Amino acid sequence: EKPIAIDPEDLEKVLGAYALDIDGDGMRDLVLMRVGENVILK
């Protein structure tokens, strides 16, 4: 397990996730589907 250093509230209420490189920097980002605000993790 590796902790993700973001606001803990953004990791709650998550229903699912998909990964893709949105900004083209060669590193895959995460799109989080949530009850409430959806979050993109770079």
All heavy atoms as atom14 arrays in JSON, in Angstrom:
{
  "sequence": "EKPIAIDPEDLEKVLGAYALDIDGDGMRDLVLMRVGENVILK",
  "atom14_mask": [
    [1, 1, 1, 1, 1, 1, 1, 1, 1, 0, 0, 0, 0, 0],
    [1, 1, 1, 1, 1, 1, 1, 1, 1, 0, 0, 0, 0, 0],
    [1, 1, 1, 1, 1, 1, 1, 0, 0, 0, 0, 0, 0, 0],
    [1, 1, 1, 1, 1, 1, 1, 1, 0, 0, 0, 0, 0, 0],
    [1, 1, 1, 1, 1, 0, 0, 0, 0, 0, 0, 0, 0, 0],
    [1, 1, 1, 1, 1, 1, 1, 1, 0, 0, 0, 0, 0, 0],
    [1, 1, 1, 1, 1, 1, 1, 1, 0, 0, 0, 0, 0, 0],
    [1, 1, 1, 1, 1, 1, 1, 0, 0, 0, 0, 0, 0, 0],
    [1, 1, 1, 1, 1, 1, 1, 1, 1, 0, 0, 0, 0, 0],
    [1, 1, 1, 1, 1, 1, 1, 1, 0, 0, 0, 0, 0, 0],
    [1, 1, 1, 1, 1, 1, 1, 1, 0, 0, 0, 0, 0, 0],
    [1, 1, 1, 1, 1, 1, 1, 1, 1, 0, 0, 0, 0, 0],
    [1, 1, 1, 1, 1, 1, 1, 1, 1, 0, 0, 0, 0, 0],
    [1, 1, 1, 1, 1, 1, 1, 0, 0, 0, 0, 0, 0, 0],
    [1, 1, 1, 1, 1, 1, 1, 1, 0, 0, 0, 0, 0, 0],
    [1, 1, 1, 1, 0, 0, 0, 0, 0, 0, 0, 0, 0, 0],
    [1, 1, 1, 1, 1, 0, 0, 0, 0, 0, 0, 0, 0, 0],
    [1, 1, 1, 1, 1, 1, 1, 1, 1, 1, 1, 1, 0, 0],
    [1, 1, 1, 1, 1, 0, 0, 0, 0, 0, 0, 0, 0, 0],
    [1, 1, 1, 1, 1, 1, 1, 1, 0, 0, 0, 0, 0, 0],
    [1, 1, 1, 1, 1, 1, 1, 1, 0, 0, 0, 0, 0, 0],
    [1, 1, 1, 1, 1, 1, 1, 1, 0, 0, 0, 0, 0, 0],
    [1, 1, 1, 1, 1, 1, 1, 1, 0, 0, 0, 0, 0, 0],
    [1, 1, 1, 1, 0, 0, 0, 0, 0, 0, 0, 0, 0, 0],
    [1, 1, 1, 1, 1, 1, 1, 1, 0, 0, 0, 0, 0, 0],
    [1, 1, 1, 1, 0, 0, 0, 0, 0, 0, 0, 0, 0, 0],
    [1, 1, 1, 1, 1, 1, 1, 1, 0, 0, 0, 0, 0, 0],
    [1, 1, 1, 1, 1, 1, 1, 1, 1, 1, 1, 0, 0, 0],
    [1, 1, 1, 1, 1, 1, 1, 1, 0, 0, 0, 0, 0, 0],
    [1, 1, 1, 1, 1, 1, 1, 1, 0, 0, 0, 0, 0, 0],
    [1, 1, 1, 1, 1, 1, 1, 0, 0, 0, 0, 0, 0, 0],
    [1, 1, 1, 1, 1, 1, 1, 1, 0, 0, 0, 0, 0, 0],
    [1, 1, 1, 1, 1, 1, 1, 1, 0, 0, 0, 0, 0, 0],
    [1, 1, 1, 1, 1, 1, 1, 1, 1, 1, 1, 0, 0, 0],
    [1, 1, 1, 1, 1, 1, 1, 0, 0, 0, 0, 0, 0, 0],
    [1, 1, 1, 1, 0, 0, 0, 0, 0, 0, 0, 0, 0, 0],
    [1, 1, 1, 1, 1, 1, 1, 1, 1, 0, 0, 0, 0, 0],
    [1, 1, 1, 1, 1, 1, 1, 1, 0, 0, 0, 0, 0, 0],
    [1, 1, 1, 1, 1, 1, 1, 0, 0, 0, 0, 0, 0, 0],
    [1, 1, 1, 1, 1, 1, 1, 1, 0, 0, 0, 0, 0, 0],
    [1, 1, 1, 1, 1, 1, 1, 1, 0, 0, 0, 0, 0, 0],
    [1, 1, 1, 1, 1, 1, 1, 1, 1, 0, 0, 0, 0, 0]
  ],
  "atom14_positions": [
    [[0.83, -1.19, 0.0], [0.0, 0.0, 0.0], [0.87, 1.25, 0.0], [1.86, 1.34, 0.73], [-0.94, 0.02, 1.2], [-1.89, 1.21, 1.17], [-2.91, 1.22, 2.29], [-2.9, 0.29, 3.11], [-3.71, 2.18, 2.34], [0.0, 0.0, 0.0], [0.0, 0.0, 0.0], [0.0, 0.0, 0.0], [0.0, 0.0, 0.0], [0.0, 0.0, 0.0]],
    [[0.47, 2.23, -0.81], [1.19, 3.51, -0.88], [0.18, 4.63, -0.67], [-0.76, 4.78, -1.46], [1.88, 3.68, -2.23], [2.63, 5.01, -2.35], [3.33, 5.13, -3.68], [4.01, 6.48, -3.85], [5.02, 6.74, -2.81], [0.0, 0.0, 0.0], [0.0, 0.0, 0.0], [0.0, 0.0, 0.0], [0.0, 0.0, 0.0], [0.0, 0.0, 0.0]],
    [[0.34, 5.43, 0.37], [-0.59, 6.54, 0.6], [-0.54, 7.55, -0.54], [0.51, 7.78, -1.15], [-0.09, 7.16, 1.92], [0.72, 6.09, 2.56], [1.34, 5.31, 1.43], [0.0, 0.0, 0.0], [0.0, 0.0, 0.0], [0.0, 0.0, 0.0], [0.0, 0.0, 0.0], [0.0, 0.0, 0.0], [0.0, 0.0, 0.0], [0.0, 0.0, 0.0]],
    [[-1.69, 8.17, -0.83], [-1.76, 9.23, -1.82], [-1.87, 10.55, -1.07], [-2.82, 10.77, -0.31], [-2.97, 9.03, -2.76], [-2.85, 7.69, -3.5], [-3.06, 10.16, -3.77], [-4.02, 7.4, -4.41], [0.0, 0.0, 0.0], [0.0, 0.0, 0.0], [0.0, 0.0, 0.0], [0.0, 0.0, 0.0], [0.0, 0.0, 0.0], [0.0, 0.0, 0.0]],
    [[-0.91, 11.43, -1.28], [-0.82, 12.66, -0.49], [-1.68, 13.77, -1.1], [-1.19, 14.74, -1.68], [0.64, 13.1, -0.41], [0.0, 0.0, 0.0], [0.0, 0.0, 0.0], [0.0, 0.0, 0.0], [0.0, 0.0, 0.0], [0.0, 0.0, 0.0], [0.0, 0.0, 0.0], [0.0, 0.0, 0.0], [0.0, 0.0, 0.0], [0.0, 0.0, 0.0]],
    [[-3.01, 13.59, -0.99], [-3.95, 14.64, -1.38], [-4.95, 14.81, -0.24], [-4.9, 14.09, 0.76], [-4.69, 14.29, -2.7], [-5.54, 13.03, -2.52], [-3.69, 14.11, -3.84], [-6.44, 12.76, -3.7], [0.0, 0.0, 0.0], [0.0, 0.0, 0.0], [0.0, 0.0, 0.0], [0.0, 0.0, 0.0], [0.0, 0.0, 0.0], [0.0, 0.0, 0.0]],
    [[-5.87, 15.75, -0.38], [-6.9, 15.96, 0.63], [-7.65, 14.64, 0.85], [-8.21, 14.09, -0.1], [-7.87, 17.04, 0.16], [-8.89, 17.45, 1.22], [-9.16, 16.62, 2.13], [-9.42, 18.56, 1.13], [0.0, 0.0, 0.0], [0.0, 0.0, 0.0], [0.0, 0.0, 0.0], [0.0, 0.0, 0.0], [0.0, 0.0, 0.0], [0.0, 0.0, 0.0]],
    [[-7.67, 14.11, 2.07], [-8.34, 12.82, 2.32], [-9.79, 12.79, 1.87], [-10.29, 11.73, 1.48], [-8.21, 12.65, 3.84], [-7.02, 13.46, 4.21], [-7.02, 14.64, 3.28], [0.0, 0.0, 0.0], [0.0, 0.0, 0.0], [0.0, 0.0, 0.0], [0.0, 0.0, 0.0], [0.0, 0.0, 0.0], [0.0, 0.0, 0.0], [0.0, 0.0, 0.0]],
    [[-10.48, 13.94, 1.88], [-11.88, 13.96, 1.47], [-12.04, 13.6, 0.0], [-13.09, 13.08, -0.4], [-12.49, 15.33, 1.76], [-12.65, 15.63, 3.25], [-13.42, 16.91, 3.49], [-13.82, 17.56, 2.48], [-13.63, 17.26, 4.66], [0.0, 0.0, 0.0], [0.0, 0.0, 0.0], [0.0, 0.0, 0.0], [0.0, 0.0, 0.0], [0.0, 0.0, 0.0]],
    [[-11.04, 13.89, -0.82], [-11.12, 13.56, -2.24], [-11.01, 12.06, -2.51], [-11.33, 11.6, -3.6], [-10.04, 14.3, -3.03], [-10.31, 15.79, -3.12], [-11.49, 16.18, -3.15], [-9.34, 16.58, -3.16], [0.0, 0.0, 0.0], [0.0, 0.0, 0.0], [0.0, 0.0, 0.0], [0.0, 0.0, 0.0], [0.0, 0.0, 0.0], [0.0, 0.0, 0.0]],
    [[-10.53, 11.31, -1.53], [-10.41, 9.86, -1.67], [-11.6, 9.14, -1.05], [-11.66, 7.91, -1.09], [-9.11, 9.37, -1.04], [-7.82, 9.82, -1.73], [-6.61, 9.35, -0.95], [-7.77, 9.31, -3.16], [0.0, 0.0, 0.0], [0.0, 0.0, 0.0], [0.0, 0.0, 0.0], [0.0, 0.0, 0.0], [0.0, 0.0, 0.0], [0.0, 0.0, 0.0]],
    [[-12.54, 9.89, -0.49], [-13.77, 9.31, 0.04], [-14.88, 9.45, -1.0], [-14.78, 10.23, -1.95], [-14.17, 10.0, 1.35], [-13.12, 9.85, 2.45], [-13.44, 10.7, 3.67], [-14.4, 11.5, 3.61], [-12.71, 10.58, 4.67], [0.0, 0.0, 0.0], [0.0, 0.0, 0.0], [0.0, 0.0, 0.0], [0.0, 0.0, 0.0], [0.0, 0.0, 0.0]],
    [[-15.93, 8.66, -0.84], [-17.09, 8.7, -1.74], [-16.72, 8.34, -3.18], [-17.35, 8.8, -4.12], [-17.78, 10.06, -1.68], [-18.26, 10.47, -0.3], [-18.96, 11.82, -0.34], [-19.47, 12.21, 1.05], [-20.17, 13.51, 1.04], [0.0, 0.0, 0.0], [0.0, 0.0, 0.0], [0.0, 0.0, 0.0], [0.0, 0.0, 0.0], [0.0, 0.0, 0.0]],
    [[-15.68, 7.53, -3.35], [-15.24, 7.13, -4.69], [-15.93, 5.83, -5.08], [-15.91, 4.85, -4.33], [-13.71, 6.95, -4.74], [-13.28, 6.48, -6.12], [-13.02, 8.27, -4.38], [0.0, 0.0, 0.0], [0.0, 0.0, 0.0], [0.0, 0.0, 0.0], [0.0, 0.0, 0.0], [0.0, 0.0, 0.0], [0.0, 0.0, 0.0], [0.0, 0.0, 0.0]],
    [[-16.54, 5.8, -6.27], [-17.23, 4.61, -6.77], [-16.37, 3.79, -7.72], [-16.56, 2.58, -7.84], [-18.54, 5.0, -7.47], [-19.72, 5.32, -6.56], [-19.61, 6.73, -6.0], [-21.04, 5.17, -7.3], [0.0, 0.0, 0.0], [0.0, 0.0, 0.0], [0.0, 0.0, 0.0], [0.0, 0.0, 0.0], [0.0, 0.0, 0.0], [0.0, 0.0, 0.0]],
    [[-15.47, 4.44, -8.43], [-14.65, 3.72, -9.39], [-13.61, 4.64, -9.99], [-13.56, 5.83, -9.68], [0.0, 0.0, 0.0], [0.0, 0.0, 0.0], [0.0, 0.0, 0.0], [0.0, 0.0, 0.0], [0.0, 0.0, 0.0], [0.0, 0.0, 0.0], [0.0, 0.0, 0.0], [0.0, 0.0, 0.0], [0.0, 0.0, 0.0], [0.0, 0.0, 0.0]],
    [[-12.77, 4.1, -10.88], [-11.67, 4.89, -11.44], [-11.21, 4.31, -12.77], [-11.33, 3.1, -13.02], [-10.5, 4.93, -10.46], [0.0, 0.0, 0.0], [0.0, 0.0, 0.0], [0.0, 0.0, 0.0], [0.0, 0.0, 0.0], [0.0, 0.0, 0.0], [0.0, 0.0, 0.0], [0.0, 0.0, 0.0], [0.0, 0.0, 0.0], [0.0, 0.0, 0.0]],
    [[-10.68, 5.19, -13.61], [-10.04, 4.8, -14.87], [-8.75, 5.6, -15.01], [-8.65, 6.74, -14.54], [-10.96, 5.08, -16.06], [-12.17, 4.18, -16.11], [-13.31, 4.48, -15.38], [-12.16, 3.02, -16.87], [-14.42, 3.65, -15.4], [-13.26, 2.19, -16.91], [-14.39, 2.49, -16.17], [-15.49, 1.67, -16.19], [0.0, 0.0, 0.0], [0.0, 0.0, 0.0]],
    [[-7.78, 5.0, -15.67], [-6.47, 5.63, -15.85], [-6.23, 5.95, -17.32], [-6.56, 5.14, -18.2], [-5.36, 4.72, -15.33], [0.0, 0.0, 0.0], [0.0, 0.0, 0.0], [0.0, 0.0, 0.0], [0.0, 0.0, 0.0], [0.0, 0.0, 0.0], [0.0, 0.0, 0.0], [0.0, 0.0, 0.0], [0.0, 0.0, 0.0], [0.0, 0.0, 0.0]],
    [[-5.66, 7.12, -17.59], [-5.22, 7.5, -18.92], [-4.33, 8.73, -18.79], [-4.41, 9.46, -17.79], [-6.4, 7.79, -19.86], [-7.23, 9.05, -19.64], [-8.0, 9.37, -20.91], [-8.21, 8.9, -18.49], [0.0, 0.0, 0.0], [0.0, 0.0, 0.0], [0.0, 0.0, 0.0], [0.0, 0.0, 0.0], [0.0, 0.0, 0.0], [0.0, 0.0, 0.0]],
    [[-3.48, 8.95, -19.78], [-2.58, 10.09, -19.77], [-3.3, 11.26, -20.44], [-3.3, 11.39, -21.66], [-1.29, 9.74, -20.5], [-0.29, 10.88, -20.51], [-0.55, 11.92, -19.88], [0.77, 10.73, -21.16], [0.0, 0.0, 0.0], [0.0, 0.0, 0.0], [0.0, 0.0, 0.0], [0.0, 0.0, 0.0], [0.0, 0.0, 0.0], [0.0, 0.0, 0.0]],
    [[-3.9, 12.12, -19.62], [-4.72, 13.21, -20.15], [-3.86, 14.31, -20.75], [-4.14, 14.81, -21.84], [-5.64, 13.77, -19.05], [-6.67, 12.7, -18.64], [-6.34, 15.05, -19.51], [-7.55, 13.11, -17.47], [0.0, 0.0, 0.0], [0.0, 0.0, 0.0], [0.0, 0.0, 0.0], [0.0, 0.0, 0.0], [0.0, 0.0, 0.0], [0.0, 0.0, 0.0]],
    [[-2.8, 14.72, -20.04], [-2.04, 15.9, -20.46], [-0.83, 15.58, -21.31], [-0.07, 16.48, -21.68], [-1.61, 16.71, -19.23], [-0.81, 15.9, -18.22], [-0.63, 14.68, -18.46], [-0.38, 16.47, -17.21], [0.0, 0.0, 0.0], [0.0, 0.0, 0.0], [0.0, 0.0, 0.0], [0.0, 0.0, 0.0], [0.0, 0.0, 0.0], [0.0, 0.0, 0.0]],
    [[-0.62, 14.3, -21.66], [0.43, 13.94, -22.61], [1.83, 14.04, -22.07], [2.79, 14.15, -22.85], [0.0, 0.0, 0.0], [0.0, 0.0, 0.0], [0.0, 0.0, 0.0], [0.0, 0.0, 0.0], [0.0, 0.0, 0.0], [0.0, 0.0, 0.0], [0.0, 0.0, 0.0], [0.0, 0.0, 0.0], [0.0, 0.0, 0.0], [0.0, 0.0, 0.0]],
    [[1.99, 13.94, -20.73], [3.34, 14.04, -20.16], [4.0, 12.68, -19.98], [5.09, 12.58, -19.41], [3.31, 14.79, -18.83], [2.51, 14.06, -17.75], [1.9, 13.01, -18.05], [2.47, 14.56, -16.6], [0.0, 0.0, 0.0], [0.0, 0.0, 0.0], [0.0, 0.0, 0.0], [0.0, 0.0, 0.0], [0.0, 0.0, 0.0], [0.0, 0.0, 0.0]],
    [[3.34, 11.61, -20.44], [3.91, 10.27, -20.35], [3.57, 9.55, -19.07], [3.96, 8.38, -18.91], [0.0, 0.0, 0.0], [0.0, 0.0, 0.0], [0.0, 0.0, 0.0], [0.0, 0.0, 0.0], [0.0, 0.0, 0.0], [0.0, 0.0, 0.0], [0.0, 0.0, 0.0], [0.0, 0.0, 0.0], [0.0, 0.0, 0.0], [0.0, 0.0, 0.0]],
    [[2.85, 10.19, -18.16], [2.44, 9.55, -16.91], [0.92, 9.49, -16.85], [0.24, 10.48, -17.12], [3.0, 10.33, -15.71], [4.51, 10.2, -15.59], [5.23, 11.15, -14.23], [5.23, 12.79, -14.96], [0.0, 0.0, 0.0], [0.0, 0.0, 0.0], [0.0, 0.0, 0.0], [0.0, 0.0, 0.0], [0.0, 0.0, 0.0], [0.0, 0.0, 0.0]],
    [[0.42, 8.32, -16.49], [-1.02, 8.13, -16.5], [-1.67, 8.83, -15.31], [-1.21, 8.73, -14.17], [-1.36, 6.64, -16.5], [-0.98, 5.94, -17.81], [-1.32, 4.47, -17.78], [-1.07, 3.81, -19.05], [0.07, 3.22, -19.38], [1.07, 3.24, -18.53], [0.2, 2.63, -20.54], [0.0, 0.0, 0.0], [0.0, 0.0, 0.0], [0.0, 0.0, 0.0]],
    [[-2.76, 9.5, -15.61], [-3.55, 10.18, -14.6], [-4.71, 9.28, -14.19], [-4.99, 8.26, -14.84], [-4.07, 11.51, -15.17], [-2.96, 12.32, -15.84], [-1.96, 12.6, -15.15], [-3.09, 12.65, -17.04], [0.0, 0.0, 0.0], [0.0, 0.0, 0.0], [0.0, 0.0, 0.0], [0.0, 0.0, 0.0], [0.0, 0.0, 0.0], [0.0, 0.0, 0.0]],
    [[-5.4, 9.66, -13.13], [-6.53, 8.87, -12.63], [-7.78, 9.75, -12.62], [-7.76, 10.87, -12.1], [-6.26, 8.36, -11.22], [-5.42, 7.08, -11.1], [-4.96, 6.89, -9.66], [-6.22, 5.87, -11.56], [0.0, 0.0, 0.0], [0.0, 0.0, 0.0], [0.0, 0.0, 0.0], [0.0, 0.0, 0.0], [0.0, 0.0, 0.0], [0.0, 0.0, 0.0]],
    [[-8.87, 9.22, -13.17], [-10.17, 9.88, -13.12], [-11.01, 9.15, -12.08], [-11.26, 7.94, -12.23], [-10.86, 9.88, -14.49], [-12.25, 10.51, -14.39], [-10.01, 10.62, -15.52], [0.0, 0.0, 0.0], [0.0, 0.0, 0.0], [0.0, 0.0, 0.0], [0.0, 0.0, 0.0], [0.0, 0.0, 0.0], [0.0, 0.0, 0.0], [0.0, 0.0, 0.0]],
    [[-11.43, 9.86, -11.03], [-12.21, 9.26, -9.96], [-13.67, 9.65, -10.1], [-14.01, 10.83, -10.15], [-11.69, 9.72, -8.58], [-10.19, 9.63, -8.32], [-9.9, 9.96, -6.85], [-9.64, 8.27, -8.69], [0.0, 0.0, 0.0], [0.0, 0.0, 0.0], [0.0, 0.0, 0.0], [0.0, 0.0, 0.0], [0.0, 0.0, 0.0], [0.0, 0.0, 0.0]],
    [[-14.54, 8.65, -10.14], [-15.99, 8.85, -10.15], [-16.48, 8.84, -8.72], [-16.23, 7.89, -7.98], [-16.67, 7.77, -10.97], [-16.15, 7.66, -12.39], [-16.82, 6.23, -13.25], [-16.16, 4.91, -12.27], [0.0, 0.0, 0.0], [0.0, 0.0, 0.0], [0.0, 0.0, 0.0], [0.0, 0.0, 0.0], [0.0, 0.0, 0.0], [0.0, 0.0, 0.0]],
    [[-17.24, 9.87, -8.34], [-17.58, 10.02, -6.94], [-19.05, 10.37, -6.76], [-19.72, 10.8, -7.71], [-16.72, 11.11, -6.28], [-15.22, 10.84, -6.36], [-14.39, 11.97, -5.77], [-14.54, 12.08, -4.32], [-15.09, 13.1, -3.69], [-15.57, 14.12, -4.39], [-15.17, 13.11, -2.38], [0.0, 0.0, 0.0], [0.0, 0.0, 0.0], [0.0, 0.0, 0.0]],
    [[-19.53, 10.22, -5.55], [-20.8, 10.78, -5.14], [-20.49, 12.22, -4.74], [-19.97, 12.49, -3.66], [-21.42, 10.02, -3.95], [-22.73, 10.67, -3.54], [-21.65, 8.57, -4.33], [0.0, 0.0, 0.0], [0.0, 0.0, 0.0], [0.0, 0.0, 0.0], [0.0, 0.0, 0.0], [0.0, 0.0, 0.0], [0.0, 0.0, 0.0], [0.0, 0.0, 0.0]],
    [[-20.76, 13.15, -5.63], [-20.33, 14.52, -5.44], [-19.34, 14.91, -6.51], [-19.44, 14.47, -7.66], [0.0, 0.0, 0.0], [0.0, 0.0, 0.0], [0.0, 0.0, 0.0], [0.0, 0.0, 0.0], [0.0, 0.0, 0.0], [0.0, 0.0, 0.0], [0.0, 0.0, 0.0], [0.0, 0.0, 0.0], [0.0, 0.0, 0.0], [0.0, 0.0, 0.0]],
    [[-18.35, 15.71, -6.17], [-17.39, 16.21, -7.15], [-16.48, 15.09, -7.68], [-15.8, 14.42, -6.91], [-16.52, 17.31, -6.52], [-15.52, 17.91, -7.51], [-14.5, 18.82, -6.84], [-14.19, 18.59, -5.65], [-14.01, 19.74, -7.51], [0.0, 0.0, 0.0], [0.0, 0.0, 0.0], [0.0, 0.0, 0.0], [0.0, 0.0, 0.0], [0.0, 0.0, 0.0]],
    [[-16.48, 14.92, -9.0], [-15.51, 14.01, -9.61], [-14.14, 14.66, -9.59], [-14.0, 15.89, -9.63], [-15.92, 13.68, -11.04], [-17.23, 12.93, -11.1], [-17.47, 12.02, -10.31], [-18.1, 13.32, -12.03], [0.0, 0.0, 0.0], [0.0, 0.0, 0.0], [0.0, 0.0, 0.0], [0.0, 0.0, 0.0], [0.0, 0.0, 0.0], [0.0, 0.0, 0.0]],
    [[-13.1, 13.83, -9.51], [-11.75, 14.33, -9.32], [-10.82, 13.73, -10.37], [-10.88, 12.54, -10.67], [-11.23, 13.97, -7.9], [-9.75, 14.27, -7.77], [-12.02, 14.75, -6.84], [0.0, 0.0, 0.0], [0.0, 0.0, 0.0], [0.0, 0.0, 0.0], [0.0, 0.0, 0.0], [0.0, 0.0, 0.0], [0.0, 0.0, 0.0], [0.0, 0.0, 0.0]],
    [[-9.96, 14.58, -10.94], [-8.88, 14.12, -11.79], [-7.58, 14.24, -11.0], [-7.24, 15.32, -10.49], [-8.78, 14.94, -13.09], [-10.05, 14.75, -13.92], [-7.56, 14.5, -13.91], [-10.07, 15.58, -15.2], [0.0, 0.0, 0.0], [0.0, 0.0, 0.0], [0.0, 0.0, 0.0], [0.0, 0.0, 0.0], [0.0, 0.0, 0.0], [0.0, 0.0, 0.0]],
    [[-6.86, 13.14, -10.87], [-5.56, 13.13, -10.21], [-4.47, 13.07, -11.27], [-4.41, 12.13, -12.07], [-5.43, 11.93, -9.28], [-6.4, 11.87, -8.09], [-6.12, 10.63, -7.24], [-6.31, 13.12, -7.24], [0.0, 0.0, 0.0], [0.0, 0.0, 0.0], [0.0, 0.0, 0.0], [0.0, 0.0, 0.0], [0.0, 0.0, 0.0], [0.0, 0.0, 0.0]],
    [[-3.63, 14.08, -11.28], [-2.52, 14.13, -12.23], [-1.38, 13.25, -11.74], [-0.93, 13.37, -10.59], [-2.04, 15.56, -12.4], [-0.82, 15.74, -13.29], [-0.46, 17.2, -13.43], [0.91, 17.39, -14.07], [0.98, 16.77, -15.41], [0.0, 0.0, 0.0], [0.0, 0.0, 0.0], [0.0, 0.0, 0.0], [0.0, 0.0, 0.0], [0.0, 0.0, 0.0]]
  ]
}
